[in-house]
Structure formats: C-alpha cells, structure tokens
C-alpha cells in the first residue's frame, strides 16, 4: 500500500510542478487562479492516481511486476514457485 501512496505523491508532485510552470511561463494571457483551485486540482489528481494504481495492482500484481514489464526482464519469485518433488513424509 505504501508503494501506491508513494507513486501517487510522485504523480501529484509532477502535476504541481508542471501546473506551476504553465501558470508562470506559458499562460501569460490569463490571471493567476486562486490557490483553492490549485489545491482542489491537486487533490483530484492524487485521489484519481491512488484509485487507479490500487485497482491496477489488485488486478495485475505488485510494483515489481510493473517494473519487470518496463525493463523487459522476467523475475521468478522463488517463494511463489515452490514445488514438492519428494515422497511425502507421512
């Protein structure tokens, strides 16, 4: 769960940074919006990212699995792939 929150905070940080750049440098024709709209948009982005990441990881696994797709590597989890191949001891 803390991985999902970390990803959400990272996404919100990027959103805030790019939104600030937009207001400061690219959008000179409009006046600066009040801070409450800026905070509202940030909260909406945080909740959306949190819900989306939570849904994704409930369906497809952990963050490590997502990073394996990005790096194109196949990681075998030894604890998840244990097989009993000996005669039972009972």
N, C-alpha and C. Protein backbone atom coordinates (compact mmCIF):
# COMPACT_ATOMS: atom_id res chain seq x y z
N UNK A 1 0.83 -1.20 0.00
CA UNK A 1 0.00 0.00 0.00
C UNK A 1 0.86 1.26 0.00
N UNK A 2 2.02 1.21 0.70
CA UNK A 2 2.83 2.42 0.72
C UNK A 2 3.45 2.70 -0.64
N UNK A 3 3.62 1.66 -1.48
CA UNK A 3 4.11 1.90 -2.84
C UNK A 3 3.09 2.69 -3.65
N UNK A 4 1.83 2.39 -3.46
CA UNK A 4 0.77 3.09 -4.19
C UNK A 4 0.72 4.55 -3.76
N UNK A 5 0.86 4.79 -2.47
CA UNK A 5 0.84 6.17 -1.97
C UNK A 5 2.06 6.93 -2.45
N UNK A 6 3.21 6.27 -2.48
CA UNK A 6 4.43 6.91 -2.98
C UNK A 6 4.28 7.29 -4.45
N UNK A 7 3.75 6.40 -5.24
CA UNK A 7 3.53 6.70 -6.66
C UNK A 7 2.54 7.85 -6.81
N UNK A 8 1.50 7.86 -5.99
CA UNK A 8 0.50 8.94 -6.07
C UNK A 8 1.11 10.29 -5.71
N UNK A 9 1.93 10.32 -4.66
CA UNK A 9 2.59 11.58 -4.30
C UNK A 9 3.56 12.04 -5.38
N UNK A 10 4.25 11.10 -6.01
CA UNK A 10 5.16 11.44 -7.09
C UNK A 10 4.40 12.05 -8.27
N UNK A 11 3.28 11.46 -8.62
CA UNK A 11 2.46 11.98 -9.72
C UNK A 11 1.91 13.37 -9.39
N UNK A 12 1.45 13.56 -8.14
CA UNK A 12 0.94 14.87 -7.73
C UNK A 12 2.06 15.90 -7.74
N UNK A 13 3.25 15.50 -7.32
CA UNK A 13 4.40 16.42 -7.37
C UNK A 13 4.70 16.87 -8.78
N UNK A 14 4.67 15.94 -9.71
CA UNK A 14 4.88 16.30 -11.12
C UNK A 14 3.76 17.20 -11.63
N UNK A 15 2.52 16.90 -11.23
CA UNK A 15 1.39 17.72 -11.65
C UNK A 15 1.55 19.15 -11.15
N UNK A 16 1.89 19.30 -9.88
CA UNK A 16 2.05 20.63 -9.29
C UNK A 16 3.18 21.39 -9.98
N UNK A 17 4.28 20.70 -10.25
CA UNK A 17 5.42 21.34 -10.91
C UNK A 17 5.04 21.85 -12.29
N UNK A 18 4.40 20.99 -13.09
CA UNK A 18 4.04 21.40 -14.45
C UNK A 18 2.91 22.42 -14.46
N UNK A 19 2.02 22.35 -13.51
CA UNK A 19 0.94 23.34 -13.42
C UNK A 19 1.53 24.72 -13.06
N UNK A 20 2.50 24.72 -12.15
CA UNK A 20 3.16 25.97 -11.79
C UNK A 20 3.90 26.55 -12.99
N UNK A 21 4.60 25.70 -13.75
CA UNK A 21 5.28 26.18 -14.95
C UNK A 21 4.30 26.75 -15.97
N UNK A 22 3.16 26.10 -16.09
CA UNK A 22 2.15 26.59 -17.03
C UNK A 22 1.66 27.97 -16.63
N UNK A 23 1.33 28.14 -15.35
CA UNK A 23 0.84 29.44 -14.90
C UNK A 23 1.91 30.51 -14.96
N UNK A 24 3.15 30.15 -14.67
CA UNK A 24 4.21 31.15 -14.57
C UNK A 24 4.74 31.58 -15.95
N UNK A 25 4.91 30.64 -16.86
CA UNK A 25 5.61 30.96 -18.09
C UNK A 25 4.76 30.86 -19.35
N UNK A 26 3.86 29.91 -19.44
CA UNK A 26 3.18 29.65 -20.70
C UNK A 26 1.82 30.33 -20.83
N UNK A 27 1.19 30.65 -19.73
CA UNK A 27 -0.18 31.17 -19.76
C UNK A 27 -0.20 32.62 -19.28
N UNK A 28 0.45 33.51 -20.03
CA UNK A 28 0.56 34.90 -19.58
C UNK A 28 -0.69 35.71 -19.87
N UNK A 29 -1.58 35.21 -20.71
CA UNK A 29 -2.76 36.00 -21.04
C UNK A 29 -3.79 35.96 -19.91
N UNK A 30 -3.82 34.89 -19.13
CA UNK A 30 -4.78 34.78 -18.04
C UNK A 30 -4.16 35.24 -16.73
N UNK A 31 -5.01 35.59 -15.83
CA UNK A 31 -4.55 35.94 -14.49
C UNK A 31 -4.33 34.66 -13.69
N UNK A 32 -3.57 34.78 -12.64
CA UNK A 32 -3.31 33.64 -11.77
C UNK A 32 -4.61 33.23 -11.07
N UNK A 33 -4.94 31.93 -11.10
CA UNK A 33 -6.13 31.44 -10.42
C UNK A 33 -5.91 31.44 -8.91
N UNK A 34 -6.99 31.49 -8.15
CA UNK A 34 -6.84 31.40 -6.69
C UNK A 34 -6.23 30.06 -6.28
N UNK A 35 -5.59 30.05 -5.13
CA UNK A 35 -4.89 28.87 -4.63
C UNK A 35 -5.84 27.70 -4.36
N UNK A 36 -7.09 27.99 -4.01
CA UNK A 36 -8.02 26.91 -3.70
C UNK A 36 -8.30 26.03 -4.92
N UNK A 37 -8.30 26.60 -6.14
CA UNK A 37 -8.48 25.80 -7.34
C UNK A 37 -7.25 24.92 -7.62
N UNK A 38 -6.08 25.48 -7.33
CA UNK A 38 -4.83 24.74 -7.50
C UNK A 38 -4.79 23.54 -6.55
N UNK A 39 -5.18 23.74 -5.31
CA UNK A 39 -5.20 22.66 -4.31
C UNK A 39 -6.29 21.65 -4.67
N UNK A 40 -7.44 22.11 -5.10
CA UNK A 40 -8.52 21.21 -5.49
C UNK A 40 -8.09 20.30 -6.64
N UNK A 41 -7.45 20.87 -7.65
CA UNK A 41 -6.97 20.06 -8.77
C UNK A 41 -5.92 19.05 -8.32
N UNK A 42 -5.06 19.44 -7.40
CA UNK A 42 -4.04 18.52 -6.89
C UNK A 42 -4.66 17.37 -6.12
N UNK A 43 -5.68 17.64 -5.33
CA UNK A 43 -6.36 16.58 -4.58
C UNK A 43 -7.08 15.63 -5.55
N UNK A 44 -7.69 16.17 -6.58
CA UNK A 44 -8.37 15.33 -7.57
C UNK A 44 -7.37 14.42 -8.27
N UNK A 45 -6.20 14.96 -8.62
CA UNK A 45 -5.17 14.15 -9.27
C UNK A 45 -4.66 13.07 -8.31
N UNK A 46 -4.46 13.41 -7.03
CA UNK A 46 -3.99 12.44 -6.05
C UNK A 46 -4.98 11.30 -5.87
N UNK A 47 -6.25 11.62 -5.70
CA UNK A 47 -7.26 10.58 -5.49
C UNK A 47 -7.41 9.72 -6.75
N UNK A 48 -7.39 10.34 -7.90
CA UNK A 48 -7.51 9.58 -9.15
C UNK A 48 -6.33 8.63 -9.32
N UNK A 49 -5.15 9.10 -9.04
CA UNK A 49 -3.96 8.25 -9.16
C UNK A 49 -3.99 7.14 -8.12
N UNK A 50 -4.41 7.45 -6.92
CA UNK A 50 -4.48 6.45 -5.85
C UNK A 50 -5.46 5.35 -6.21
N UNK A 51 -6.65 5.72 -6.66
CA UNK A 51 -7.66 4.72 -7.02
C UNK A 51 -7.22 3.92 -8.24
N UNK A 52 -6.67 4.59 -9.23
CA UNK A 52 -6.21 3.88 -10.43
C UNK A 52 -5.08 2.91 -10.14
N UNK A 53 -4.10 3.33 -9.36
CA UNK A 53 -2.98 2.45 -9.02
C UNK A 53 -3.45 1.29 -8.15
N UNK A 54 -4.34 1.56 -7.20
CA UNK A 54 -4.86 0.49 -6.36
C UNK A 54 -5.61 -0.55 -7.19
N UNK A 55 -6.43 -0.10 -8.11
CA UNK A 55 -7.17 -1.03 -8.97
C UNK A 55 -6.21 -1.82 -9.85
N UNK A 56 -5.21 -1.15 -10.40
CA UNK A 56 -4.26 -1.85 -11.26
C UNK A 56 -3.50 -2.92 -10.49
N UNK A 57 -3.00 -2.58 -9.31
CA UNK A 57 -2.20 -3.54 -8.56
C UNK A 57 -3.04 -4.65 -7.95
N UNK A 58 -4.31 -4.44 -7.75
CA UNK A 58 -5.18 -5.51 -7.31
C UNK A 58 -5.41 -6.51 -8.43
N UNK A 59 -5.39 -6.03 -9.65
CA UNK A 59 -5.63 -6.90 -10.80
C UNK A 59 -4.33 -7.54 -11.29
N UNK A 60 -3.26 -6.79 -11.35
CA UNK A 60 -2.05 -7.25 -12.02
C UNK A 60 -0.84 -7.50 -11.14
N UNK A 61 -0.89 -7.31 -9.88
CA UNK A 61 0.25 -7.64 -9.04
C UNK A 61 0.92 -6.44 -8.42
N UNK A 62 2.17 -6.62 -8.06
CA UNK A 62 2.91 -5.62 -7.30
C UNK A 62 3.66 -4.65 -8.21
N UNK A 63 4.31 -3.68 -7.59
CA UNK A 63 5.10 -2.70 -8.33
C UNK A 63 6.27 -3.38 -9.04
N UNK A 64 6.84 -4.40 -8.41
CA UNK A 64 7.96 -5.11 -9.03
C UNK A 64 7.55 -5.75 -10.34
N UNK A 65 6.34 -6.25 -10.41
CA UNK A 65 5.86 -6.83 -11.66
C UNK A 65 5.72 -5.77 -12.73
N UNK A 66 5.28 -4.57 -12.35
CA UNK A 66 5.16 -3.49 -13.31
C UNK A 66 6.55 -3.08 -13.81
N UNK A 67 7.53 -3.03 -12.92
CA UNK A 67 8.87 -2.66 -13.32
C UNK A 67 9.50 -3.73 -14.21
N UNK A 68 9.13 -4.99 -14.03
CA UNK A 68 9.62 -6.05 -14.91
C UNK A 68 9.13 -5.84 -16.33
N UNK A 69 7.93 -5.33 -16.49
CA UNK A 69 7.41 -5.04 -17.84
C UNK A 69 8.19 -3.91 -18.46
N UNK A 70 8.51 -2.90 -17.66
CA UNK A 70 9.24 -1.74 -18.19
C UNK A 70 10.65 -2.13 -18.59
N UNK A 71 11.33 -2.93 -17.75
CA UNK A 71 12.71 -3.32 -18.04
C UNK A 71 12.82 -4.56 -18.90
N UNK A 72 11.69 -5.18 -19.24
CA UNK A 72 11.63 -6.37 -20.09
C UNK A 72 12.46 -7.51 -19.51
N UNK A 73 12.32 -7.73 -18.21
CA UNK A 73 13.01 -8.85 -17.55
C UNK A 73 11.98 -9.76 -16.92
N UNK A 74 12.34 -11.02 -16.82
CA UNK A 74 11.45 -11.99 -16.21
C UNK A 74 12.00 -12.35 -14.83
N UNK A 75 11.31 -11.95 -13.81
CA UNK A 75 11.73 -12.26 -12.45
C UNK A 75 10.92 -13.44 -11.94
N UNK A 76 11.62 -14.41 -11.40
CA UNK A 76 10.95 -15.56 -10.82
C UNK A 76 10.95 -15.36 -9.31
N UNK A 77 9.79 -15.44 -8.72
CA UNK A 77 9.67 -15.31 -7.28
C UNK A 77 9.80 -16.70 -6.67
N UNK A 78 10.92 -17.01 -6.03
CA UNK A 78 11.13 -18.38 -5.55
C UNK A 78 10.12 -18.82 -4.49
N UNK A 79 9.60 -17.91 -3.70
CA UNK A 79 8.63 -18.30 -2.69
C UNK A 79 7.29 -18.66 -3.31
N UNK A 80 6.97 -18.08 -4.44
CA UNK A 80 5.70 -18.35 -5.08
C UNK A 80 5.74 -19.58 -5.98
N UNK A 81 6.96 -20.07 -6.32
CA UNK A 81 7.07 -21.18 -7.26
C UNK A 81 7.64 -22.44 -6.62
N UNK A 82 7.44 -22.65 -5.34
CA UNK A 82 7.96 -23.85 -4.68
C UNK A 82 7.13 -25.06 -5.11
N UNK A 83 7.84 -26.16 -5.39
CA UNK A 83 7.19 -27.39 -5.81
C UNK A 83 7.69 -28.52 -4.92
N UNK A 84 6.81 -29.36 -4.45
CA UNK A 84 7.18 -30.51 -3.65
C UNK A 84 7.45 -31.68 -4.59
N UNK A 85 8.70 -32.19 -4.61
CA UNK A 85 9.05 -33.26 -5.55
C UNK A 85 9.52 -34.53 -4.87
N UNK A 86 9.47 -34.61 -3.56
CA UNK A 86 9.94 -35.78 -2.82
C UNK A 86 8.75 -36.61 -2.36
N UNK A 87 9.03 -37.76 -1.84
CA UNK A 87 7.97 -38.61 -1.29
C UNK A 87 7.44 -37.98 -0.01
N UNK A 88 6.14 -38.07 0.22
CA UNK A 88 5.60 -37.46 1.46
C UNK A 88 6.14 -38.17 2.70
N UNK A 89 6.36 -37.41 3.75
CA UNK A 89 6.95 -37.93 4.96
C UNK A 89 5.93 -38.49 5.95
N UNK A 90 4.71 -38.71 5.56
CA UNK A 90 3.71 -39.23 6.49
C UNK A 90 3.28 -40.63 6.13
